[in-house]
Each structure stands twice: as structure tokens, then as C-alpha cells.
Amino acid sequence: WFLEHCDPLLKVTIIPRMSGALGFAQYLPKEMALHSQEQILDRMSMALGGRAAEELTFGTITTGASDDLKKVTDMSYAMVTLYGMNERVGNVSFPPEEGS
């Protein structure tokens, strides 16, 4: 609700449903092909919300947010290396080489 560019929340559960996940949030994604820098940053903030809540609530962190951390890392890496969304690096793209 506080992140302007995030998808609306559909469902939240704190009951473990899969191995490694202690709960999850499900969102209704907007059908968009293009994403602004603000949208990506809001999605990154949203993905790290569970880890922050875990630390605030229990005073410690666990491996439960490992998938969220991977997603955030992939998004931030893509912002810099693919989309040119970094002032210091500039408007360049370094796509992965084919076959690697």
C-alpha cells in the first residue's frame, strides 16, 4: 500500500506450503511488458519486506528469504548490466553471451 508501483496483494499466508518457504504473499501482476526504474525498485523493496519483518519480529534472520534475495540480486544486476539504469555506468548494456 505504501509502494506506489507495486502489484496489488491477493493473498498472504504464514503457513508453510512448500519446502523452504515459511509462508508467502501472492500478488495480482499488472500485464505490462515495460517497467520503469521506480517500478523495479518498488518490487525490490516489496521482495525484501519479509526479511525485514522477520528481523524486526524475531530479532534474527534465517534462510527463509533466500529466494527473495536471489530475485532482488537478479533485478539489481539486470538494472545495471542490461537496462542501463545506473548513472555511474551509463546507458550501456552488457547482455550475456550466447551459449554461456
N, C-alpha and C. Protein backbone atom coordinates (compact mmCIF):
# COMPACT_ATOMS: atom_id res chain seq x y z
N TRP A 1 0.81 -1.20 0.00
CA TRP A 1 0.00 0.00 0.00
C TRP A 1 0.85 1.26 0.00
N PHE A 2 2.04 1.18 0.51
CA PHE A 2 2.89 2.35 0.58
C PHE A 2 3.81 2.47 -0.63
N LEU A 3 3.94 1.41 -1.41
CA LEU A 3 4.78 1.44 -2.59
C LEU A 3 3.89 1.67 -3.81
N GLU A 4 4.04 2.82 -4.42
CA GLU A 4 3.16 3.25 -5.50
C GLU A 4 3.16 2.32 -6.70
N HIS A 5 4.29 1.71 -7.01
CA HIS A 5 4.44 0.96 -8.25
C HIS A 5 4.36 -0.55 -8.08
N CYS A 6 3.87 -1.04 -6.96
CA CYS A 6 3.79 -2.49 -6.73
C CYS A 6 2.44 -3.04 -7.16
N ASP A 7 2.43 -4.34 -7.43
CA ASP A 7 1.20 -5.03 -7.79
C ASP A 7 0.31 -5.17 -6.56
N PRO A 8 -1.02 -5.21 -6.76
CA PRO A 8 -1.93 -5.37 -5.62
C PRO A 8 -1.81 -6.75 -4.98
N LEU A 9 -1.92 -6.78 -3.67
CA LEU A 9 -1.81 -8.02 -2.90
C LEU A 9 -3.09 -8.84 -3.03
N LEU A 10 -2.95 -10.13 -3.30
CA LEU A 10 -4.10 -11.02 -3.42
C LEU A 10 -4.27 -11.88 -2.18
N LYS A 11 -3.17 -12.47 -1.68
CA LYS A 11 -3.26 -13.42 -0.59
C LYS A 11 -1.94 -13.49 0.17
N VAL A 12 -2.03 -13.65 1.49
CA VAL A 12 -0.85 -13.82 2.34
C VAL A 12 -1.10 -15.01 3.24
N THR A 13 -0.08 -15.85 3.40
CA THR A 13 -0.18 -16.97 4.32
C THR A 13 1.11 -17.08 5.12
N ILE A 14 0.97 -17.50 6.37
CA ILE A 14 2.16 -17.75 7.19
C ILE A 14 2.30 -19.23 7.47
N ILE A 15 1.49 -20.03 6.80
CA ILE A 15 1.54 -21.48 6.93
C ILE A 15 2.48 -22.03 5.87
N PRO A 16 3.47 -22.82 6.26
CA PRO A 16 4.39 -23.38 5.26
C PRO A 16 3.64 -24.21 4.22
N ARG A 17 3.87 -23.89 2.94
CA ARG A 17 3.21 -24.61 1.84
C ARG A 17 4.19 -25.43 1.01
N MET A 18 5.45 -25.02 0.97
CA MET A 18 6.46 -25.73 0.17
C MET A 18 7.71 -25.88 1.03
N SER A 19 8.61 -26.67 0.55
CA SER A 19 9.85 -26.83 1.29
C SER A 19 10.65 -25.53 1.23
N GLY A 20 11.13 -25.09 2.35
CA GLY A 20 11.94 -23.88 2.42
C GLY A 20 11.17 -22.59 2.59
N ALA A 21 9.87 -22.59 2.29
CA ALA A 21 9.08 -21.37 2.42
C ALA A 21 8.22 -21.45 3.67
N LEU A 22 8.34 -20.47 4.53
CA LEU A 22 7.56 -20.46 5.75
C LEU A 22 6.24 -19.73 5.58
N GLY A 23 5.98 -19.25 4.43
CA GLY A 23 4.78 -18.52 4.10
C GLY A 23 5.06 -17.73 2.84
N PHE A 24 4.02 -17.13 2.28
CA PHE A 24 4.26 -16.37 1.07
C PHE A 24 3.16 -15.35 0.86
N ALA A 25 3.42 -14.43 -0.05
CA ALA A 25 2.43 -13.44 -0.48
C ALA A 25 2.22 -13.64 -1.97
N GLN A 26 0.98 -13.56 -2.38
CA GLN A 26 0.63 -13.71 -3.79
C GLN A 26 0.05 -12.39 -4.27
N TYR A 27 0.51 -11.94 -5.44
CA TYR A 27 0.11 -10.65 -5.97
C TYR A 27 -0.60 -10.81 -7.31
N LEU A 28 -1.39 -9.82 -7.67
CA LEU A 28 -2.03 -9.77 -8.99
C LEU A 28 -1.16 -8.89 -9.89
N PRO A 29 -0.31 -9.50 -10.69
CA PRO A 29 0.57 -8.68 -11.52
C PRO A 29 -0.20 -7.96 -12.63
N LYS A 30 0.21 -6.73 -12.86
CA LYS A 30 -0.35 -5.97 -13.97
C LYS A 30 0.29 -6.51 -15.24
N GLU A 31 -0.47 -6.58 -16.30
CA GLU A 31 0.06 -7.10 -17.55
C GLU A 31 0.79 -5.99 -18.29
N MET A 32 2.08 -5.89 -17.98
CA MET A 32 2.91 -4.86 -18.59
C MET A 32 4.19 -5.49 -19.12
N ALA A 33 4.67 -4.99 -20.24
CA ALA A 33 5.91 -5.50 -20.80
C ALA A 33 7.09 -4.61 -20.46
N LEU A 34 6.83 -3.34 -20.18
CA LEU A 34 7.88 -2.39 -19.87
C LEU A 34 7.77 -1.97 -18.41
N HIS A 35 8.93 -1.84 -17.75
CA HIS A 35 8.94 -1.46 -16.34
C HIS A 35 9.90 -0.29 -16.16
N SER A 36 9.46 0.71 -15.40
CA SER A 36 10.31 1.86 -15.10
C SER A 36 11.28 1.51 -13.98
N GLN A 37 12.26 2.36 -13.80
CA GLN A 37 13.22 2.15 -12.71
C GLN A 37 12.51 2.19 -11.36
N GLU A 38 11.53 3.07 -11.22
CA GLU A 38 10.77 3.17 -9.97
C GLU A 38 9.99 1.88 -9.69
N GLN A 39 9.42 1.28 -10.73
CA GLN A 39 8.69 0.04 -10.56
C GLN A 39 9.61 -1.09 -10.10
N ILE A 40 10.77 -1.18 -10.68
CA ILE A 40 11.72 -2.23 -10.31
C ILE A 40 12.19 -2.02 -8.87
N LEU A 41 12.50 -0.79 -8.50
CA LEU A 41 12.94 -0.51 -7.13
C LEU A 41 11.84 -0.82 -6.11
N ASP A 42 10.58 -0.51 -6.45
CA ASP A 42 9.48 -0.84 -5.54
C ASP A 42 9.31 -2.34 -5.41
N ARG A 43 9.48 -3.08 -6.50
CA ARG A 43 9.40 -4.54 -6.42
C ARG A 43 10.52 -5.12 -5.56
N MET A 44 11.70 -4.52 -5.65
CA MET A 44 12.81 -4.97 -4.83
C MET A 44 12.50 -4.72 -3.35
N SER A 45 11.95 -3.56 -3.05
CA SER A 45 11.57 -3.23 -1.67
C SER A 45 10.52 -4.21 -1.15
N MET A 46 9.55 -4.51 -2.00
CA MET A 46 8.49 -5.44 -1.62
C MET A 46 9.06 -6.84 -1.36
N ALA A 47 9.99 -7.27 -2.19
CA ALA A 47 10.57 -8.60 -2.03
C ALA A 47 11.35 -8.74 -0.73
N LEU A 48 11.95 -7.65 -0.26
CA LEU A 48 12.74 -7.69 0.97
C LEU A 48 11.92 -7.44 2.22
N GLY A 49 10.62 -7.19 2.06
CA GLY A 49 9.75 -6.91 3.20
C GLY A 49 9.67 -8.07 4.18
N GLY A 50 9.61 -9.29 3.68
CA GLY A 50 9.53 -10.46 4.56
C GLY A 50 10.78 -10.63 5.41
N ARG A 51 11.92 -10.39 4.80
CA ARG A 51 13.18 -10.50 5.56
C ARG A 51 13.25 -9.41 6.63
N ALA A 52 12.84 -8.21 6.29
CA ALA A 52 12.84 -7.12 7.27
C ALA A 52 11.88 -7.41 8.41
N ALA A 53 10.70 -7.93 8.07
CA ALA A 53 9.71 -8.26 9.10
C ALA A 53 10.23 -9.37 10.02
N GLU A 54 10.92 -10.32 9.45
CA GLU A 54 11.49 -11.41 10.24
C GLU A 54 12.50 -10.87 11.26
N GLU A 55 13.35 -9.98 10.81
CA GLU A 55 14.35 -9.42 11.73
C GLU A 55 13.70 -8.54 12.79
N LEU A 56 12.70 -7.74 12.41
CA LEU A 56 12.02 -6.88 13.39
C LEU A 56 11.22 -7.70 14.41
N THR A 57 10.58 -8.76 13.93
CA THR A 57 9.72 -9.56 14.81
C THR A 57 10.51 -10.49 15.71
N PHE A 58 11.48 -11.19 15.14
CA PHE A 58 12.21 -12.21 15.89
C PHE A 58 13.60 -11.79 16.33
N GLY A 59 14.08 -10.67 15.83
CA GLY A 59 15.40 -10.19 16.20
C GLY A 59 16.54 -10.95 15.54
N THR A 60 16.23 -11.77 14.56
CA THR A 60 17.25 -12.53 13.85
C THR A 60 16.74 -12.82 12.45
N ILE A 61 17.62 -13.25 11.58
CA ILE A 61 17.22 -13.62 10.23
C ILE A 61 17.56 -15.08 9.99
N THR A 62 16.81 -15.70 9.08
CA THR A 62 17.03 -17.11 8.74
C THR A 62 17.24 -17.23 7.24
N THR A 63 17.32 -18.45 6.77
CA THR A 63 17.48 -18.70 5.35
C THR A 63 16.16 -18.63 4.60
N GLY A 64 15.07 -18.32 5.28
CA GLY A 64 13.75 -18.31 4.67
C GLY A 64 13.61 -17.34 3.52
N ALA A 65 14.37 -16.28 3.49
CA ALA A 65 14.25 -15.27 2.44
C ALA A 65 15.26 -15.46 1.32
N SER A 66 15.88 -16.61 1.22
CA SER A 66 16.93 -16.81 0.22
C SER A 66 16.42 -16.63 -1.20
N ASP A 67 15.20 -17.07 -1.49
CA ASP A 67 14.65 -16.90 -2.83
C ASP A 67 14.40 -15.42 -3.12
N ASP A 68 13.91 -14.69 -2.11
CA ASP A 68 13.70 -13.25 -2.28
C ASP A 68 15.02 -12.54 -2.54
N LEU A 69 16.07 -12.93 -1.84
CA LEU A 69 17.38 -12.32 -2.05
C LEU A 69 17.90 -12.59 -3.46
N LYS A 70 17.67 -13.80 -3.96
CA LYS A 70 18.09 -14.14 -5.33
C LYS A 70 17.34 -13.28 -6.34
N LYS A 71 16.03 -13.11 -6.14
CA LYS A 71 15.24 -12.29 -7.06
C LYS A 71 15.71 -10.84 -7.06
N VAL A 72 15.97 -10.30 -5.88
CA VAL A 72 16.43 -8.91 -5.76
C VAL A 72 17.81 -8.76 -6.40
N THR A 73 18.68 -9.72 -6.19
CA THR A 73 20.00 -9.67 -6.80
C THR A 73 19.89 -9.70 -8.32
N ASP A 74 19.04 -10.57 -8.85
CA ASP A 74 18.85 -10.65 -10.30
C ASP A 74 18.29 -9.34 -10.86
N MET A 75 17.32 -8.74 -10.15
CA MET A 75 16.73 -7.48 -10.62
C MET A 75 17.76 -6.36 -10.62
N SER A 76 18.54 -6.24 -9.54
CA SER A 76 19.52 -5.16 -9.46
C SER A 76 20.64 -5.36 -10.48
N TYR A 77 21.04 -6.61 -10.69
CA TYR A 77 22.06 -6.90 -11.70
C TYR A 77 21.56 -6.52 -13.09
N ALA A 78 20.30 -6.87 -13.38
CA ALA A 78 19.72 -6.54 -14.69
C ALA A 78 19.58 -5.03 -14.87
N MET A 79 19.25 -4.31 -13.81
CA MET A 79 19.12 -2.86 -13.91
C MET A 79 20.42 -2.23 -14.40
N VAL A 80 21.55 -2.74 -13.91
CA VAL A 80 22.84 -2.16 -14.26
C VAL A 80 23.37 -2.72 -15.56
N THR A 81 23.34 -4.05 -15.72
CA THR A 81 24.02 -4.67 -16.87
C THR A 81 23.18 -4.76 -18.13
N LEU A 82 21.86 -4.77 -18.01
CA LEU A 82 21.00 -4.92 -19.19
C LEU A 82 20.24 -3.66 -19.57
N TYR A 83 19.69 -2.97 -18.56
CA TYR A 83 18.76 -1.88 -18.83
C TYR A 83 19.40 -0.50 -18.80
N GLY A 84 20.66 -0.38 -18.42
CA GLY A 84 21.32 0.91 -18.38
C GLY A 84 20.73 1.86 -17.35
N MET A 85 20.27 1.33 -16.23
CA MET A 85 19.62 2.15 -15.20
C MET A 85 20.58 2.48 -14.07
N ASN A 86 21.77 2.93 -14.41
CA ASN A 86 22.75 3.30 -13.41
C ASN A 86 23.49 4.53 -13.90
N GLU A 87 23.50 5.58 -13.11
CA GLU A 87 24.12 6.83 -13.53
C GLU A 87 25.63 6.69 -13.72
N ARG A 88 26.28 5.93 -12.87
CA ARG A 88 27.74 5.80 -12.95
C ARG A 88 28.18 4.98 -14.15
N VAL A 89 27.45 3.90 -14.45
CA VAL A 89 27.82 3.05 -15.59
C VAL A 89 27.31 3.67 -16.88
N GLY A 90 26.12 4.26 -16.84
CA GLY A 90 25.58 4.94 -18.00
C GLY A 90 24.63 4.07 -18.81
N ASN A 91 24.26 4.59 -19.96
CA ASN A 91 23.30 3.92 -20.83
C ASN A 91 23.98 2.90 -21.73
N VAL A 92 24.43 1.83 -21.11
CA VAL A 92 25.06 0.73 -21.86
C VAL A 92 24.42 -0.57 -21.41
N SER A 93 24.56 -1.58 -22.24
CA SER A 93 24.00 -2.88 -21.93
C SER A 93 25.07 -3.94 -22.14
N PHE A 94 25.16 -4.86 -21.22
CA PHE A 94 26.10 -5.97 -21.30
C PHE A 94 25.34 -7.28 -21.25
N PRO A 95 24.64 -7.63 -22.33
CA PRO A 95 23.86 -8.87 -22.29
C PRO A 95 24.76 -10.09 -22.17
N PRO A 96 24.24 -11.18 -21.61
CA PRO A 96 25.05 -12.39 -21.51
C PRO A 96 25.39 -12.92 -22.89
N GLU A 97 26.56 -13.50 -23.01
CA GLU A 97 26.97 -14.04 -24.31
C GLU A 97 26.16 -15.28 -24.62
N GLU A 98 25.85 -15.44 -25.90
CA GLU A 98 25.07 -16.60 -26.32
C GLU A 98 25.89 -17.86 -26.11
N GLY A 99 25.21 -18.90 -25.64
CA GLY A 99 25.88 -20.18 -25.42
C GLY A 99 26.54 -20.31 -24.06
N SER A 100 26.41 -19.29 -23.22
CA SER A 100 27.03 -19.39 -21.89
C SER A 100 25.99 -19.54 -20.81
